[in-house]
PDB file of all heavy atoms in Angstrom:
ATOM      1  N   ALA A   1       3.930  -4.264  -2.955  1.00  0.00           N
ATOM      2  CA  ALA A   1       5.132  -4.977  -3.334  1.00  0.00           C
ATOM      3  C   ALA A   1       6.369  -4.109  -3.144  1.00  0.00           C
ATOM      4  O   ALA A   1       6.271  -2.890  -2.970  1.00  0.00           O
ATOM      5  CB  ALA A   1       5.038  -5.432  -4.791  1.00  0.00           C
ATOM      6  N   SER A   2       7.535  -4.728  -3.189  1.00  0.00           N
ATOM      7  CA  SER A   2       8.777  -3.984  -3.013  1.00  0.00           C
ATOM      8  C   SER A   2       8.984  -2.947  -4.103  1.00  0.00           C
ATOM      9  O   SER A   2       9.654  -1.934  -3.877  1.00  0.00           O
ATOM     10  CB  SER A   2       9.975  -4.933  -2.945  1.00  0.00           C
ATOM     11  OG  SER A   2       9.989  -5.829  -4.034  1.00  0.00           O
ATOM     12  N   ILE A   3       8.416  -3.175  -5.295  1.00  0.00           N
ATOM     13  CA  ILE A   3       8.510  -2.203  -6.371  1.00  0.00           C
ATOM     14  C   ILE A   3       7.456  -1.114  -6.265  1.00  0.00           C
ATOM     15  O   ILE A   3       7.452  -0.175  -7.067  1.00  0.00           O
ATOM     16  CB  ILE A   3       8.411  -2.875  -7.750  1.00  0.00           C
ATOM     17  CG1 ILE A   3       7.072  -3.588  -7.909  1.00  0.00           C
ATOM     18  CG2 ILE A   3       9.577  -3.825  -7.966  1.00  0.00           C
ATOM     19  CD1 ILE A   3       6.818  -4.111  -9.304  1.00  0.00           C
ATOM     20  N   GLY A   4       6.531  -1.225  -5.291  1.00  0.00           N
ATOM     21  CA  GLY A   4       5.554  -0.182  -5.058  1.00  0.00           C
ATOM     22  C   GLY A   4       4.152  -0.447  -5.552  1.00  0.00           C
ATOM     23  O   GLY A   4       3.249   0.354  -5.283  1.00  0.00           O
ATOM     24  N   ARG A   5       3.941  -1.522  -6.267  1.00  0.00           N
ATOM     25  CA  ARG A   5       2.603  -1.863  -6.743  1.00  0.00           C
ATOM     26  C   ARG A   5       1.687  -2.168  -5.566  1.00  0.00           C
ATOM     27  O   ARG A   5       2.071  -2.871  -4.633  1.00  0.00           O
ATOM     28  CB  ARG A   5       2.675  -3.060  -7.688  1.00  0.00           C
ATOM     29  CG  ARG A   5       1.352  -3.418  -8.336  1.00  0.00           C
ATOM     30  CD  ARG A   5       1.530  -4.544  -9.340  1.00  0.00           C
ATOM     31  NE  ARG A   5       1.990  -5.765  -8.701  1.00  0.00           N
ATOM     32  CZ  ARG A   5       3.182  -6.313  -8.883  1.00  0.00           C
ATOM     33  NH1 ARG A   5       4.052  -5.735  -9.705  1.00  0.00           N
ATOM     34  NH2 ARG A   5       3.512  -7.423  -8.263  1.00  0.00           N
ATOM     35  N   THR A   6       0.457  -1.640  -5.601  1.00  0.00           N
ATOM     36  CA  THR A   6      -0.481  -1.796  -4.495  1.00  0.00           C
ATOM     37  C   THR A   6      -1.789  -2.420  -4.948  1.00  0.00           C
ATOM     38  O   THR A   6      -2.146  -2.366  -6.129  1.00  0.00           O
ATOM     39  CB  THR A   6      -0.803  -0.446  -3.835  1.00  0.00           C
ATOM     40  OG1 THR A   6      -1.402   0.425  -4.809  1.00  0.00           O
ATOM     41  CG2 THR A   6       0.455   0.208  -3.286  1.00  0.00           C
ATOM     42  N   ASN A   7      -2.505  -3.018  -3.997  1.00  0.00           N
ATOM     43  CA  ASN A   7      -3.872  -3.422  -4.224  1.00  0.00           C
ATOM     44  C   ASN A   7      -4.637  -3.313  -2.914  1.00  0.00           C
ATOM     45  O   ASN A   7      -4.054  -3.426  -1.835  1.00  0.00           O
ATOM     46  CB  ASN A   7      -3.981  -4.823  -4.837  1.00  0.00           C
ATOM     47  CG  ASN A   7      -3.545  -5.922  -3.893  1.00  0.00           C
ATOM     48  OD1 ASN A   7      -2.351  -6.179  -3.732  1.00  0.00           O
ATOM     49  ND2 ASN A   7      -4.516  -6.579  -3.257  1.00  0.00           N
ATOM     50  N   TYR A   8      -5.959  -3.089  -3.026  1.00  0.00           N
ATOM     51  CA  TYR A   8      -6.804  -2.836  -1.871  1.00  0.00           C
ATOM     52  C   TYR A   8      -8.077  -3.649  -1.943  1.00  0.00           C
ATOM     53  O   TYR A   8      -8.587  -3.939  -3.031  1.00  0.00           O
ATOM     54  CB  TYR A   8      -7.196  -1.363  -1.800  1.00  0.00           C
ATOM     55  CG  TYR A   8      -6.057  -0.406  -1.609  1.00  0.00           C
ATOM     56  CD1 TYR A   8      -5.393   0.134  -2.708  1.00  0.00           C
ATOM     57  CD2 TYR A   8      -5.645  -0.030  -0.340  1.00  0.00           C
ATOM     58  CE1 TYR A   8      -4.341   1.021  -2.539  1.00  0.00           C
ATOM     59  CE2 TYR A   8      -4.598   0.857  -0.165  1.00  0.00           C
ATOM     60  CZ  TYR A   8      -3.950   1.377  -1.263  1.00  0.00           C
ATOM     61  OH  TYR A   8      -2.909   2.259  -1.086  1.00  0.00           O
ATOM     62  N   ALA A   9      -8.596  -3.996  -0.776  1.00  0.00           N
ATOM     63  CA  ALA A   9      -9.935  -4.547  -0.714  1.00  0.00           C
ATOM     64  C   ALA A   9     -10.936  -3.484  -1.139  1.00  0.00           C
ATOM     65  O   ALA A   9     -10.750  -2.295  -0.873  1.00  0.00           O
ATOM     66  CB  ALA A   9     -10.251  -5.030   0.700  1.00  0.00           C
ATOM     67  N   ASP A  10     -11.995  -3.904  -1.810  1.00  0.00           N
ATOM     68  CA  ASP A  10     -13.002  -2.950  -2.267  1.00  0.00           C
ATOM     69  C   ASP A  10     -13.591  -2.134  -1.120  1.00  0.00           C
ATOM     70  O   ASP A  10     -13.935  -0.962  -1.293  1.00  0.00           O
ATOM     71  CB  ASP A  10     -14.124  -3.674  -3.006  1.00  0.00           C
ATOM     72  CG  ASP A  10     -13.703  -4.194  -4.364  1.00  0.00           C
ATOM     73  OD1 ASP A  10     -12.695  -3.697  -4.910  1.00  0.00           O
ATOM     74  OD2 ASP A  10     -14.379  -5.100  -4.884  1.00  0.00           O
ATOM     75  N   SER A  11     -13.698  -2.727   0.052  1.00  0.00           N
ATOM     76  CA  SER A  11     -14.322  -2.068   1.188  1.00  0.00           C
ATOM     77  C   SER A  11     -13.515  -0.885   1.718  1.00  0.00           C
ATOM     78  O   SER A  11     -14.067  -0.040   2.425  1.00  0.00           O
ATOM     79  CB  SER A  11     -14.566  -3.073   2.318  1.00  0.00           C
ATOM     80  OG  SER A  11     -13.354  -3.673   2.723  1.00  0.00           O
ATOM     81  N   VAL A  12     -12.222  -0.820   1.401  1.00  0.00           N
ATOM     82  CA  VAL A  12     -11.379   0.260   1.920  1.00  0.00           C
ATOM     83  C   VAL A  12     -10.816   1.146   0.819  1.00  0.00           C
ATOM     84  O   VAL A  12     -10.185   2.170   1.117  1.00  0.00           O
ATOM     85  CB  VAL A  12     -10.216  -0.286   2.770  1.00  0.00           C
ATOM     86  CG1 VAL A  12     -10.740  -1.208   3.859  1.00  0.00           C
ATOM     87  CG2 VAL A  12      -9.190  -1.001   1.903  1.00  0.00           C
ATOM     88  N   LYS A  13     -11.037   0.792  -0.418  1.00  0.00           N
ATOM     89  CA  LYS A  13     -10.492   1.553  -1.542  1.00  0.00           C
ATOM     90  C   LYS A  13     -10.988   2.996  -1.504  1.00  0.00           C
ATOM     91  O   LYS A  13     -12.178   3.252  -1.342  1.00  0.00           O
ATOM     92  CB  LYS A  13     -10.880   0.883  -2.858  1.00  0.00           C
ATOM     93  CG  LYS A  13     -10.091   1.360  -4.059  1.00  0.00           C
ATOM     94  CD  LYS A  13     -10.374   0.480  -5.280  1.00  0.00           C
ATOM     95  CE  LYS A  13      -9.910  -0.954  -5.045  1.00  0.00           C
ATOM     96  NZ  LYS A  13     -10.140  -1.820  -6.233  1.00  0.00           N
ATOM     97  N   GLY A  14     -10.060   3.931  -1.632  1.00  0.00           N
ATOM     98  CA  GLY A  14     -10.390   5.343  -1.571  1.00  0.00           C
ATOM     99  C   GLY A  14     -10.324   5.931  -0.179  1.00  0.00           C
ATOM    100  O   GLY A  14     -10.320   7.161  -0.036  1.00  0.00           O
ATOM    101  N   ARG A  15     -10.283   5.084   0.847  1.00  0.00           N
ATOM    102  CA  ARG A  15     -10.211   5.552   2.232  1.00  0.00           C
ATOM    103  C   ARG A  15      -8.873   5.224   2.891  1.00  0.00           C
ATOM    104  O   ARG A  15      -8.383   5.995   3.714  1.00  0.00           O
ATOM    105  CB  ARG A  15     -11.337   4.940   3.070  1.00  0.00           C
ATOM    106  CG  ARG A  15     -12.727   5.289   2.574  1.00  0.00           C
ATOM    107  CD  ARG A  15     -13.796   4.804   3.559  1.00  0.00           C
ATOM    108  NE  ARG A  15     -13.794   3.344   3.685  1.00  0.00           N
ATOM    109  CZ  ARG A  15     -13.574   2.683   4.821  1.00  0.00           C
ATOM    110  NH1 ARG A  15     -13.351   3.352   5.947  1.00  0.00           N
ATOM    111  NH2 ARG A  15     -13.615   1.362   4.845  1.00  0.00           N
ATOM    112  N   PHE A  16      -8.307   4.076   2.546  1.00  0.00           N
ATOM    113  CA  PHE A  16      -7.049   3.623   3.136  1.00  0.00           C
ATOM    114  C   PHE A  16      -5.924   3.756   2.121  1.00  0.00           C
ATOM    115  O   PHE A  16      -6.133   3.591   0.913  1.00  0.00           O
ATOM    116  CB  PHE A  16      -7.140   2.157   3.563  1.00  0.00           C
ATOM    117  CG  PHE A  16      -8.044   1.885   4.738  1.00  0.00           C
ATOM    118  CD1 PHE A  16      -8.900   2.847   5.241  1.00  0.00           C
ATOM    119  CD2 PHE A  16      -8.021   0.635   5.333  1.00  0.00           C
ATOM    120  CE1 PHE A  16      -9.730   2.576   6.319  1.00  0.00           C
ATOM    121  CE2 PHE A  16      -8.845   0.349   6.414  1.00  0.00           C
ATOM    122  CZ  PHE A  16      -9.696   1.317   6.904  1.00  0.00           C
ATOM    123  N   THR A  17      -4.721   4.010   2.612  1.00  0.00           N
ATOM    124  CA  THR A  17      -3.539   4.076   1.774  1.00  0.00           C
ATOM    125  C   THR A  17      -2.409   3.286   2.415  1.00  0.00           C
ATOM    126  O   THR A  17      -2.050   3.538   3.567  1.00  0.00           O
ATOM    127  CB  THR A  17      -3.079   5.524   1.550  1.00  0.00           C
ATOM    128  OG1 THR A  17      -4.132   6.284   0.952  1.00  0.00           O
ATOM    129  CG2 THR A  17      -1.867   5.553   0.619  1.00  0.00           C
ATOM    130  N   ILE A  18      -1.857   2.337   1.676  1.00  0.00           N
ATOM    131  CA  ILE A  18      -0.709   1.581   2.150  1.00  0.00           C
ATOM    132  C   ILE A  18       0.554   2.173   1.536  1.00  0.00           C
ATOM    133  O   ILE A  18       0.563   2.579   0.370  1.00  0.00           O
ATOM    134  CB  ILE A  18      -0.849   0.081   1.814  1.00  0.00           C
ATOM    135  CG1 ILE A  18       0.256  -0.732   2.500  1.00  0.00           C
ATOM    136  CG2 ILE A  18      -0.857  -0.156   0.311  1.00  0.00           C
ATOM    137  CD1 ILE A  18       0.050  -2.237   2.403  1.00  0.00           C
ATOM    138  N   SER A  19       1.604   2.239   2.324  1.00  0.00           N
ATOM    139  CA  SER A  19       2.883   2.736   1.843  1.00  0.00           C
ATOM    140  C   SER A  19       4.001   2.011   2.567  1.00  0.00           C
ATOM    141  O   SER A  19       3.767   1.335   3.580  1.00  0.00           O
ATOM    142  CB  SER A  19       2.998   4.253   2.045  1.00  0.00           C
ATOM    143  OG  SER A  19       2.928   4.587   3.421  1.00  0.00           O
ATOM    144  N   ARG A  20       5.219   2.137   2.058  1.00  0.00           N
ATOM    145  CA  ARG A  20       6.347   1.479   2.697  1.00  0.00           C
ATOM    146  C   ARG A  20       7.594   2.333   2.594  1.00  0.00           C
ATOM    147  O   ARG A  20       7.754   3.126   1.666  1.00  0.00           O
ATOM    148  CB  ARG A  20       6.594   0.087   2.093  1.00  0.00           C
ATOM    149  CG  ARG A  20       6.922   0.082   0.606  1.00  0.00           C
ATOM    150  CD  ARG A  20       6.965  -1.355   0.076  1.00  0.00           C
ATOM    151  NE  ARG A  20       8.111  -2.088   0.597  1.00  0.00           N
ATOM    152  CZ  ARG A  20       8.243  -3.414   0.567  1.00  0.00           C
ATOM    153  NH1 ARG A  20       7.270  -4.161   0.055  1.00  0.00           N
ATOM    154  NH2 ARG A  20       9.335  -3.990   1.061  1.00  0.00           N
ATOM    155  N   ASP A  21       8.468   2.162   3.563  1.00  0.00           N
ATOM    156  CA  ASP A  21       9.768   2.807   3.598  1.00  0.00           C
ATOM    157  C   ASP A  21      10.790   1.682   3.626  1.00  0.00           C
ATOM    158  O   ASP A  21      11.019   1.068   4.669  1.00  0.00           O
ATOM    159  CB  ASP A  21       9.893   3.709   4.822  1.00  0.00           C
ATOM    160  CG  ASP A  21      11.187   4.499   4.844  1.00  0.00           C
ATOM    161  OD1 ASP A  21      12.179   4.070   4.232  1.00  0.00           O
ATOM    162  OD2 ASP A  21      11.210   5.562   5.488  1.00  0.00           O
ATOM    163  N   ASN A  22      11.391   1.402   2.487  1.00  0.00           N
ATOM    164  CA  ASN A  22      12.305   0.272   2.395  1.00  0.00           C
ATOM    165  C   ASN A  22      13.567   0.461   3.234  1.00  0.00           C
ATOM    166  O   ASN A  22      14.128  -0.514   3.735  1.00  0.00           O
ATOM    167  CB  ASN A  22      12.679   0.022   0.931  1.00  0.00           C
ATOM    168  CG  ASN A  22      11.517  -0.511   0.124  1.00  0.00           C
ATOM    169  OD1 ASN A  22      10.604  -1.133   0.664  1.00  0.00           O
ATOM    170  ND2 ASN A  22      11.546  -0.279  -1.181  1.00  0.00           N
ATOM    171  N   ALA A  23      14.010   1.709   3.390  1.00  0.00           N
ATOM    172  CA  ALA A  23      15.189   1.973   4.207  1.00  0.00           C
ATOM    173  C   ALA A  23      14.942   1.625   5.666  1.00  0.00           C
ATOM    174  O   ALA A  23      15.868   1.238   6.388  1.00  0.00           O
ATOM    175  CB  ALA A  23      15.611   3.433   4.073  1.00  0.00           C
ATOM    176  N   LYS A  24      13.696   1.767   6.118  1.00  0.00           N
ATOM    177  CA  LYS A  24      13.326   1.468   7.498  1.00  0.00           C
ATOM    178  C   LYS A  24      12.672   0.101   7.654  1.00  0.00           C
ATOM    179  O   LYS A  24      12.328  -0.289   8.769  1.00  0.00           O
ATOM    180  CB  LYS A  24      12.380   2.535   8.041  1.00  0.00           C
ATOM    181  CG  LYS A  24      12.973   3.924   8.118  1.00  0.00           C
ATOM    182  CD  LYS A  24      11.950   4.910   8.660  1.00  0.00           C
ATOM    183  CE  LYS A  24      12.537   6.305   8.769  1.00  0.00           C
ATOM    184  NZ  LYS A  24      11.531   7.288   9.271  1.00  0.00           N
ATOM    185  N   ASN A  25      12.490  -0.609   6.548  1.00  0.00           N
ATOM    186  CA  ASN A  25      11.790  -1.896   6.568  1.00  0.00           C
ATOM    187  C   ASN A  25      10.456  -1.786   7.294  1.00  0.00           C
ATOM    188  O   ASN A  25      10.109  -2.617   8.141  1.00  0.00           O
ATOM    189  CB  ASN A  25      12.662  -2.977   7.209  1.00  0.00           C
ATOM    190  CG  ASN A  25      13.849  -3.354   6.349  1.00  0.00           C
ATOM    191  OD1 ASN A  25      13.740  -3.459   5.133  1.00  0.00           O
ATOM    192  ND2 ASN A  25      14.991  -3.580   6.983  1.00  0.00           N
TER     193      ASN A  25
END
């Protein structure tokens, strides 16, 4: 989310990381 809250599928949890740069969209 725009506030930074994340969620992951169980199959990728611990291996994948999602992140965002709001200044760069």
